[in-house]
PDB file of N, CA and C in Angstrom:
ATOM      1  N   MET A   1       0.883  -1.352   0.048  1.00  0.00           N
ATOM      2  CA  MET A   1      -0.080  -0.113   0.034  1.00  0.00           C
ATOM      3  C   MET A   1       0.981   1.482  -0.087  1.00  0.00           C
ATOM      4  N   SER A   2       0.476   2.125  -0.778  1.00  0.00           N
ATOM      5  CA  SER A   2       1.145   3.552  -0.860  1.00  0.00           C
ATOM      6  C   SER A   2       0.630   4.766  -0.098  1.00  0.00           C
ATOM      7  N   PHE A   3       1.482   5.506   0.450  1.00  0.00           N
ATOM      8  CA  PHE A   3       0.921   6.349   1.479  1.00  0.00           C
ATOM      9  C   PHE A   3       1.058   8.039   0.510  1.00  0.00           C
ATOM     10  N   ARG A   4       0.093   8.816   0.856  1.00  0.00           N
ATOM     11  CA  ARG A   4       0.218  10.223   0.176  1.00  0.00           C
ATOM     12  C   ARG A   4      -0.071  11.242   1.353  1.00  0.00           C
ATOM     13  N   PHE A   5       0.761  12.324   1.396  1.00  0.00           N
ATOM     14  CA  PHE A   5       0.433  13.022   2.299  1.00  0.00           C
ATOM     15  C   PHE A   5      -0.312  14.438   1.769  1.00  0.00           C
ATOM     16  N   THR A   6      -1.134  15.088   2.196  1.00  0.00           N
ATOM     17  CA  THR A   6      -1.767  16.399   1.430  1.00  0.00           C
ATOM     18  C   THR A   6      -0.946  17.538   2.127  1.00  0.00           C
ATOM     19  N   LYS A   7      -0.898  18.552   1.385  1.00  0.00           N
ATOM     20  CA  LYS A   7      -0.357  19.612   1.513  1.00  0.00           C
ATOM     21  C   LYS A   7      -0.539  19.971   2.804  1.00  0.00           C
ATOM     22  N   HIS A   8      -1.551  20.212   3.281  1.00  0.00           N
ATOM     23  CA  HIS A   8      -2.322  20.603   4.892  1.00  0.00           C
ATOM     24  C   HIS A   8      -1.752  19.623   5.533  1.00  0.00           C
ATOM     25  N   ALA A   9      -1.415  18.535   5.609  1.00  0.00           N
ATOM     26  CA  ALA A   9      -1.024  17.654   6.520  1.00  0.00           C
ATOM     27  C   ALA A   9       0.471  17.611   6.614  1.00  0.00           C
ATOM     28  N   LYS A  10       1.274  17.821   5.608  1.00  0.00           N
ATOM     29  CA  LYS A  10       2.547  17.970   5.548  1.00  0.00           C
ATOM     30  C   LYS A  10       3.081  19.579   6.406  1.00  0.00           C
ATOM     31  N   ASN A  11       2.002  20.432   6.109  1.00  0.00           N
ATOM     32  CA  ASN A  11       2.078  21.825   6.951  1.00  0.00           C
ATOM     33  C   ASN A  11       2.089  21.741   8.656  1.00  0.00           C
ATOM     34  N   ARG A  12       1.067  20.708   8.399  1.00  0.00           N
ATOM     35  CA  ARG A  12       0.609  20.509  10.181  1.00  0.00           C
ATOM     36  C   ARG A  12       1.673  19.754  11.056  1.00  0.00           C
ATOM     37  N   MET A  13       2.320  18.898  10.066  1.00  0.00           N
ATOM     38  CA  MET A  13       3.663  18.060  10.400  1.00  0.00           C
ATOM     39  C   MET A  13       4.516  18.944  10.650  1.00  0.00           C
ATOM     40  N   ALA A  14       5.024  19.757   9.911  1.00  0.00           N
ATOM     41  CA  ALA A  14       6.155  20.600  10.073  1.00  0.00           C
ATOM     42  C   ALA A  14       5.995  21.621  11.263  1.00  0.00           C
ATOM     43  N   GLU A  15       4.498  22.062  11.273  1.00  0.00           N
ATOM     44  CA  GLU A  15       4.651  23.251  12.291  1.00  0.00           C
ATOM     45  C   GLU A  15       4.802  22.323  13.906  1.00  0.00           C
ATOM     46  N   ARG A  16       4.451  21.248  13.896  1.00  0.00           N
ATOM     47  CA  ARG A  16       4.534  20.541  14.968  1.00  0.00           C
ATOM     48  C   ARG A  16       5.411  19.405  15.493  1.00  0.00           C
ATOM     49  N   ASP A  17       6.750  19.368  14.312  1.00  0.00           N
ATOM     50  CA  ASP A  17       7.796  18.830  14.269  1.00  0.00           C
ATOM     51  C   ASP A  17       7.269  17.246  14.456  1.00  0.00           C
ATOM     52  N   ILE A  18       6.485  16.962  13.677  1.00  0.00           N
ATOM     53  CA  ILE A  18       5.744  15.400  13.699  1.00  0.00           C
ATOM     54  C   ILE A  18       6.818  14.711  12.060  1.00  0.00           C
ATOM     55  N   THR A  19       7.349  13.462  12.225  1.00  0.00           N
ATOM     56  CA  THR A  19       7.893  13.072  11.196  1.00  0.00           C
ATOM     57  C   THR A  19       6.974  11.941  10.167  1.00  0.00           C
ATOM     58  N   GLU A  20       7.322  12.017   9.093  1.00  0.00           N
ATOM     59  CA  GLU A  20       6.226  10.663   8.599  1.00  0.00           C
ATOM     60  C   GLU A  20       6.140   9.724   9.186  1.00  0.00           C
ATOM     61  N   GLN A  21       7.692   9.198   9.704  1.00  0.00           N
ATOM     62  CA  GLN A  21       7.812   8.070  10.555  1.00  0.00           C
ATOM     63  C   GLN A  21       6.876   7.795  11.273  1.00  0.00           C
ATOM     64  N   GLU A  22       6.703   9.057  12.265  1.00  0.00           N
ATOM     65  CA  GLU A  22       5.527   8.809  13.584  1.00  0.00           C
ATOM     66  C   GLU A  22       4.087   8.965  12.862  1.00  0.00           C
ATOM     67  N   VAL A  23       3.827   9.568  11.752  1.00  0.00           N
ATOM     68  CA  VAL A  23       2.645   9.257  11.455  1.00  0.00           C
ATOM     69  C   VAL A  23       2.012   7.555  10.908  1.00  0.00           C
ATOM     70  N   LEU A  24       3.203   7.267  10.132  1.00  0.00           N
ATOM     71  CA  LEU A  24       3.049   6.053   9.722  1.00  0.00           C
ATOM     72  C   LEU A  24       2.851   4.993  10.725  1.00  0.00           C
ATOM     73  N   HIS A  25       3.597   5.257  11.852  1.00  0.00           N
ATOM     74  CA  HIS A  25       3.677   4.395  13.101  1.00  0.00           C
ATOM     75  C   HIS A  25       2.203   4.268  13.710  1.00  0.00           C
ATOM     76  N   ALA A  26       1.750   5.409  13.756  1.00  0.00           N
ATOM     77  CA  ALA A  26       0.371   5.789  14.271  1.00  0.00           C
ATOM     78  C   ALA A  26      -0.557   5.296  13.528  1.00  0.00           C
ATOM     79  N   ILE A  27      -0.608   4.963  12.251  1.00  0.00           N
ATOM     80  CA  ILE A  27      -1.639   4.323  11.205  1.00  0.00           C
ATOM     81  C   ILE A  27      -1.368   2.999  11.599  1.00  0.00           C
ATOM     82  N   ASP A  28       0.012   2.581  11.513  1.00  0.00           N
ATOM     83  CA  ASP A  28       0.187   0.769  11.339  1.00  0.00           C
ATOM     84  C   ASP A  28      -0.175   0.329  13.080  1.00  0.00           C
ATOM     85  N   PHE A  29       0.067   0.918  14.203  1.00  0.00           N
ATOM     86  CA  PHE A  29       0.025   0.795  15.187  1.00  0.00           C
ATOM     87  C   PHE A  29      -0.930   1.463  16.149  1.00  0.00           C
ATOM     88  N   PRO A  30      -2.012   1.935  16.281  1.00  0.00           N
ATOM     89  CA  PRO A  30      -2.463   2.777  16.784  1.00  0.00           C
ATOM     90  C   PRO A  30      -3.043   2.354  17.845  1.00  0.00           C
ATOM     91  N   ASP A  31      -3.110   3.169  19.134  1.00  0.00           N
ATOM     92  CA  ASP A  31      -3.748   2.766  20.585  1.00  0.00           C
ATOM     93  C   ASP A  31      -5.163   2.712  20.151  1.00  0.00           C
ATOM     94  N   ARG A  32      -5.768   3.495  19.837  1.00  0.00           N
ATOM     95  CA  ARG A  32      -7.006   3.471  19.379  1.00  0.00           C
ATOM     96  C   ARG A  32      -7.452   3.828  18.097  1.00  0.00           C
ATOM     97  N   MET A  33      -8.678   3.418  17.648  1.00  0.00           N
ATOM     98  CA  MET A  33      -8.965   3.465  16.019  1.00  0.00           C
ATOM     99  C   MET A  33     -10.631   4.098  16.158  1.00  0.00           C
ATOM    100  N   HIS A  34     -10.888   5.184  14.964  1.00  0.00           N
ATOM    101  CA  HIS A  34     -12.223   5.414  14.981  1.00  0.00           C
ATOM    102  C   HIS A  34     -12.610   5.473  13.459  1.00  0.00           C
ATOM    103  N   VAL A  35     -13.826   5.289  13.116  1.00  0.00           N
ATOM    104  CA  VAL A  35     -14.120   5.479  11.508  1.00  0.00           C
ATOM    105  C   VAL A  35     -14.938   6.572  11.964  1.00  0.00           C
ATOM    106  N   SER A  36     -14.857   7.533  10.851  1.00  0.00           N
ATOM    107  CA  SER A  36     -15.522   8.764  10.796  1.00  0.00           C
ATOM    108  C   SER A  36     -16.875   8.374  10.802  1.00  0.00           C
ATOM    109  N   THR A  37     -17.537   9.405  11.687  1.00  0.00           N
ATOM    110  CA  THR A  37     -19.156   9.081  11.303  1.00  0.00           C
ATOM    111  C   THR A  37     -19.970   9.665   9.714  1.00  0.00           C
ATOM    112  N   LYS A  38     -19.129  10.565   9.158  1.00  0.00           N
ATOM    113  CA  LYS A  38     -19.546  11.265   8.026  1.00  0.00           C
ATOM    114  C   LYS A  38     -19.249  10.135   6.935  1.00  0.00           C
ATOM    115  N   THR A  39     -18.260   9.429   6.899  1.00  0.00           N
ATOM    116  CA  THR A  39     -17.962   8.537   5.585  1.00  0.00           C
ATOM    117  C   THR A  39     -17.020   7.409   6.346  1.00  0.00           C
ATOM    118  N   THR A  40     -17.255   6.379   5.768  1.00  0.00           N
ATOM    119  CA  THR A  40     -16.807   5.016   6.296  1.00  0.00           C
ATOM    120  C   THR A  40     -15.159   5.093   5.561  1.00  0.00           C
ATOM    121  N   LYS A  41     -14.638   5.884   4.758  1.00  0.00           N
ATOM    122  CA  LYS A  41     -13.778   5.684   4.252  1.00  0.00           C
ATOM    123  C   LYS A  41     -12.391   6.547   4.996  1.00  0.00           C
ATOM    124  N   ARG A  42     -13.100   7.335   5.952  1.00  0.00           N
ATOM    125  CA  ARG A  42     -12.134   7.982   6.866  1.00  0.00           C
ATOM    126  C   ARG A  42     -12.015   7.880   7.879  1.00  0.00           C
ATOM    127  N   PHE A  43     -10.583   7.580   8.562  1.00  0.00           N
ATOM    128  CA  PHE A  43     -10.645   6.800   9.649  1.00  0.00           C
ATOM    129  C   PHE A  43      -9.314   8.262  10.672  1.00  0.00           C
ATOM    130  N   VAL A  44      -9.417   7.868  11.999  1.00  0.00           N
ATOM    131  CA  VAL A  44      -8.915   8.485  12.965  1.00  0.00           C
ATOM    132  C   VAL A  44      -7.818   7.338  13.620  1.00  0.00           C
ATOM    133  N   ALA A  45      -6.606   7.782  13.738  1.00  0.00           N
ATOM    134  CA  ALA A  45      -5.609   6.632  14.312  1.00  0.00           C
ATOM    135  C   ALA A  45      -5.216   7.709  15.193  1.00  0.00           C
ATOM    136  N   LYS A  46      -5.225   7.125  16.609  1.00  0.00           N
ATOM    137  CA  LYS A  46      -4.797   7.813  18.141  1.00  0.00           C
ATOM    138  C   LYS A  46      -3.547   6.946  18.589  1.00  0.00           C
ATOM    139  N   LYS A  47      -2.417   7.657  18.876  1.00  0.00           N
ATOM    140  CA  LYS A  47      -1.272   7.260  19.301  1.00  0.00           C
ATOM    141  C   LYS A  47      -0.701   8.121  20.477  1.00  0.00           C
ATOM    142  N   LEU A  48      -0.760   7.636  21.414  1.00  0.00           N
ATOM    143  CA  LEU A  48       0.068   8.149  22.786  1.00  0.00           C
ATOM    144  C   LEU A  48       1.484   8.417  22.354  1.00  0.00           C
ATOM    145  N   MET A  49       2.083   9.499  22.536  1.00  0.00           N
ATOM    146  CA  MET A  49       3.721   9.555  22.198  1.00  0.00           C
ATOM    147  C   MET A  49       4.087  10.169  23.401  1.00  0.00           C
ATOM    148  N   ARG A  50       5.489   9.643  23.568  1.00  0.00           N
ATOM    149  CA  ARG A  50       6.092  10.251  24.667  1.00  0.00           C
ATOM    150  C   ARG A  50       7.520  11.034  24.064  1.00  0.00           C
ATOM    151  N   THR A  51       7.781  12.131  23.769  1.00  0.00           N
ATOM    152  CA  THR A  51       8.912  13.053  23.293  1.00  0.00           C
ATOM    153  C   THR A  51       9.732  13.806  24.217  1.00  0.00           C
ATOM    154  N   ASN A  52      10.646  14.301  24.025  1.00  0.00           N
ATOM    155  CA  ASN A  52      11.260  15.397  24.848  1.00  0.00           C
ATOM    156  C   ASN A  52      10.390  16.542  25.330  1.00  0.00           C
ATOM    157  N   ARG A  53       9.211  16.750  24.459  1.00  0.00           N
ATOM    158  CA  ARG A  53       7.967  17.406  24.998  1.00  0.00           C
ATOM    159  C   ARG A  53       7.123  17.467  25.913  1.00  0.00           C
ATOM    160  N   GLY A  54       7.370  16.081  26.305  1.00  0.00           N
ATOM    161  CA  GLY A  54       6.186  15.255  27.470  1.00  0.00           C
ATOM    162  C   GLY A  54       5.499  14.254  26.364  1.00  0.00           C
ATOM    163  N   HIS A  55       4.589  13.725  27.263  1.00  0.00           N
ATOM    164  CA  HIS A  55       3.202  13.060  26.831  1.00  0.00           C
ATOM    165  C   HIS A  55       2.302  13.932  25.889  1.00  0.00           C
ATOM    166  N   HIS A  56       2.007  13.231  24.820  1.00  0.00           N
ATOM    167  CA  HIS A  56       1.161  13.895  24.099  1.00  0.00           C
ATOM    168  C   HIS A  56       0.164  13.079  23.166  1.00  0.00           C
ATOM    169  N   LEU A  57      -0.869  13.322  22.735  1.00  0.00           N
ATOM    170  CA  LEU A  57      -1.548  12.225  21.512  1.00  0.00           C
ATOM    171  C   LEU A  57      -1.384  12.867  20.205  1.00  0.00           C
ATOM    172  N   LEU A  58      -1.290  12.090  19.478  1.00  0.00           N
ATOM    173  CA  LEU A  58      -1.046  12.258  17.821  1.00  0.00           C
ATOM    174  C   LEU A  58      -2.124  11.395  17.260  1.00  0.00           C
ATOM    175  N   MET A  59      -3.114  12.138  16.623  1.00  0.00           N
ATOM    176  CA  MET A  59      -4.225  11.812  15.992  1.00  0.00           C
ATOM    177  C   MET A  59      -3.834  12.167  14.578  1.00  0.00           C
ATOM    178  N   VAL A  60      -4.275  11.024  13.452  1.00  0.00           N
ATOM    179  CA  VAL A  60      -3.813  11.015  12.575  1.00  0.00           C
ATOM    180  C   VAL A  60      -5.213  10.757  11.656  1.00  0.00           C
ATOM    181  N   ILE A  61      -5.915  11.511  10.888  1.00  0.00           N
ATOM    182  CA  ILE A  61      -6.624  11.485   9.908  1.00  0.00           C
ATOM    183  C   ILE A  61      -6.238  10.938   8.616  1.00  0.00           C
ATOM    184  N   TYR A  62      -7.102   9.915   8.222  1.00  0.00           N
ATOM    185  CA  TYR A  62      -6.674   9.600   6.568  1.00  0.00           C
ATOM    186  C   TYR A  62      -7.815   8.829   6.180  1.00  0.00           C
ATOM    187  N   GLU A  63      -7.545   8.759   4.725  1.00  0.00           N
ATOM    188  CA  GLU A  63      -8.703   8.044   4.080  1.00  0.00           C
ATOM    189  C   GLU A  63      -7.922   6.739   3.028  1.00  0.00           C
ATOM    190  N   ILE A  64      -8.648   5.636   3.115  1.00  0.00           N
ATOM    191  CA  ILE A  64      -8.026   4.770   1.942  1.00  0.00           C
ATOM    192  C   ILE A  64      -9.116   4.529   0.795  1.00  0.00           C
ATOM    193  N   ASN A  65      -8.013   5.030  -0.149  1.00  0.00           N
ATOM    194  CA  ASN A  65      -8.664   4.977  -1.904  1.00  0.00           C
ATOM    195  C   ASN A  65      -8.021   3.847  -2.323  1.00  0.00           C
ATOM    196  N   GLY A  66      -8.577   2.904  -2.534  1.00  0.00           N
ATOM    197  CA  GLY A  66      -7.670   1.688  -3.221  1.00  0.00           C
ATOM    198  C   GLY A  66      -6.733   1.025  -2.742  1.00  0.00           C
ATOM    199  N   GLN A  67      -5.645   1.400  -3.176  1.00  0.00           N
ATOM    200  CA  GLN A  67      -4.325   0.706  -2.632  1.00  0.00           C
ATOM    201  C   GLN A  67      -3.740   1.699  -2.142  1.00  0.00           C
ATOM    202  N   GLU A  68      -4.061   3.294  -2.012  1.00  0.00           N
ATOM    203  CA  GLU A  68      -3.484   4.354  -1.392  1.00  0.00           C
ATOM    204  C   GLU A  68      -4.054   4.623  -0.200  1.00  0.00           C
ATOM    205  N   THR A  69      -3.293   5.157   0.698  1.00  0.00           N
ATOM    206  CA  THR A  69      -3.766   5.934   2.162  1.00  0.00           C
ATOM    207  C   THR A  69      -3.182   7.308   1.793  1.00  0.00           C
ATOM    208  N   VAL A  70      -4.353   7.697   2.123  1.00  0.00           N
ATOM    209  CA  VAL A  70      -4.127   9.727   2.100  1.00  0.00           C
ATOM    210  C   VAL A  70      -4.175  10.113   3.578  1.00  0.00           C
ATOM    211  N   VAL A  71      -3.338  10.697   3.706  1.00  0.00           N
ATOM    212  CA  VAL A  71      -2.946  11.462   5.336  1.00  0.00           C
ATOM    213  C   VAL A  71      -3.525  12.843   4.959  1.00  0.00           C
ATOM    214  N   ILE A  72      -4.739  12.856   5.525  1.00  0.00           N
ATOM    215  CA  ILE A  72      -5.869  14.446   5.217  1.00  0.00           C
ATOM    216  C   ILE A  72      -5.128  15.004   6.135  1.00  0.00           C
ATOM    217  N   THR A  73      -4.720  15.082   7.717  1.00  0.00           N
ATOM    218  CA  THR A  73      -4.431  15.952   8.382  1.00  0.00           C
ATOM    219  C   THR A  73      -3.638  15.082   9.756  1.00  0.00           C
ATOM    220  N   ILE A  74      -3.080  16.051  10.820  1.00  0.00           N
ATOM    221  CA  ILE A  74      -2.876  15.459  11.985  1.00  0.00           C
ATOM    222  C   ILE A  74      -3.172  16.312  13.053  1.00  0.00           C
ATOM    223  N   ILE A  75      -3.317  15.908  14.104  1.00  0.00           N
ATOM    224  CA  ILE A  75      -3.692  16.478  15.458  1.00  0.00           C
ATOM    225  C   ILE A  75      -2.860  16.467  16.574  1.00  0.00           C
ATOM    226  N   ASP A  76      -1.889  17.469  16.915  1.00  0.00           N
ATOM    227  CA  ASP A  76      -0.952  16.798  17.958  1.00  0.00           C
ATOM    228  C   ASP A  76      -1.563  17.620  19.575  1.00  0.00           C
ATOM    229  N   THR A  77      -1.739  17.011  20.368  1.00  0.00           N
ATOM    230  CA  THR A  77      -2.264  17.730  21.472  1.00  0.00           C
ATOM    231  C   THR A  77      -1.510  17.020  22.754  1.00  0.00           C
ATOM    232  N   SER A  78      -1.682  17.851  23.681  1.00  0.00           N
ATOM    233  CA  SER A  78      -1.219  17.416  25.166  1.00  0.00           C
ATOM    234  C   SER A  78      -2.556  17.281  25.832  1.00  0.00           C
ATOM    235  N   LYS A  79      -3.823  17.460  25.379  1.00  0.00           N
ATOM    236  CA  LYS A  79      -4.962  17.374  26.060  1.00  0.00           C
ATOM    237  C   LYS A  79      -5.483  15.713  25.553  1.00  0.00           C
ATOM    238  N   ILE A  80      -4.600  14.729  26.373  1.00  0.00           N
ATOM    239  CA  ILE A  80      -4.863  13.362  26.284  1.00  0.00           C
ATOM    240  C   ILE A  80      -6.550  13.270  26.803  1.00  0.00           C
ATOM    241  N   GLU A  81      -6.684  13.443  27.689  1.00  0.00           N
ATOM    242  CA  GLU A  81      -8.089  13.101  28.749  1.00  0.00           C
ATOM    243  C   GLU A  81      -8.874  13.498  27.916  1.00  0.00           C
ATOM    244  N   LYS A  82      -9.012  14.591  26.747  1.00  0.00           N
ATOM    245  CA  LYS A  82     -10.052  15.471  26.475  1.00  0.00           C
ATOM    246  C   LYS A  82     -10.428  14.417  25.134  1.00  0.00           C
ATOM    247  N   TYR A  83      -9.298  13.938  24.376  1.00  0.00           N
ATOM    248  CA  TYR A  83      -9.661  13.333  22.772  1.00  0.00           C
ATOM    249  C   TYR A  83      -9.664  11.918  22.957  1.00  0.00           C
ATOM    250  N   TYR A  84      -8.754  11.217  23.668  1.00  0.00           N
ATOM    251  CA  TYR A  84      -8.479   9.855  24.160  1.00  0.00           C
ATOM    252  C   TYR A  84      -9.575   9.195  24.383  1.00  0.00           C
TER     253      TYR A  84
END
């Protein structure tokens, strides 16, 4: 399966210093997974992360289109209890 990152996702990753490797790890090994209520093709992978910035939650919103996974955006938050 191939992966593609939207410009929006790349911008959010750059702003939050999140690597492609971290995003792909969250998709492959999520701590929690949700299917969007608006469309069954959109998923939210949630991964608890521990970095030099402390504990935070990485949420990756992506779609599967055939053999391609498209990363729509990422959300990186310290409000773990609120979103986990």
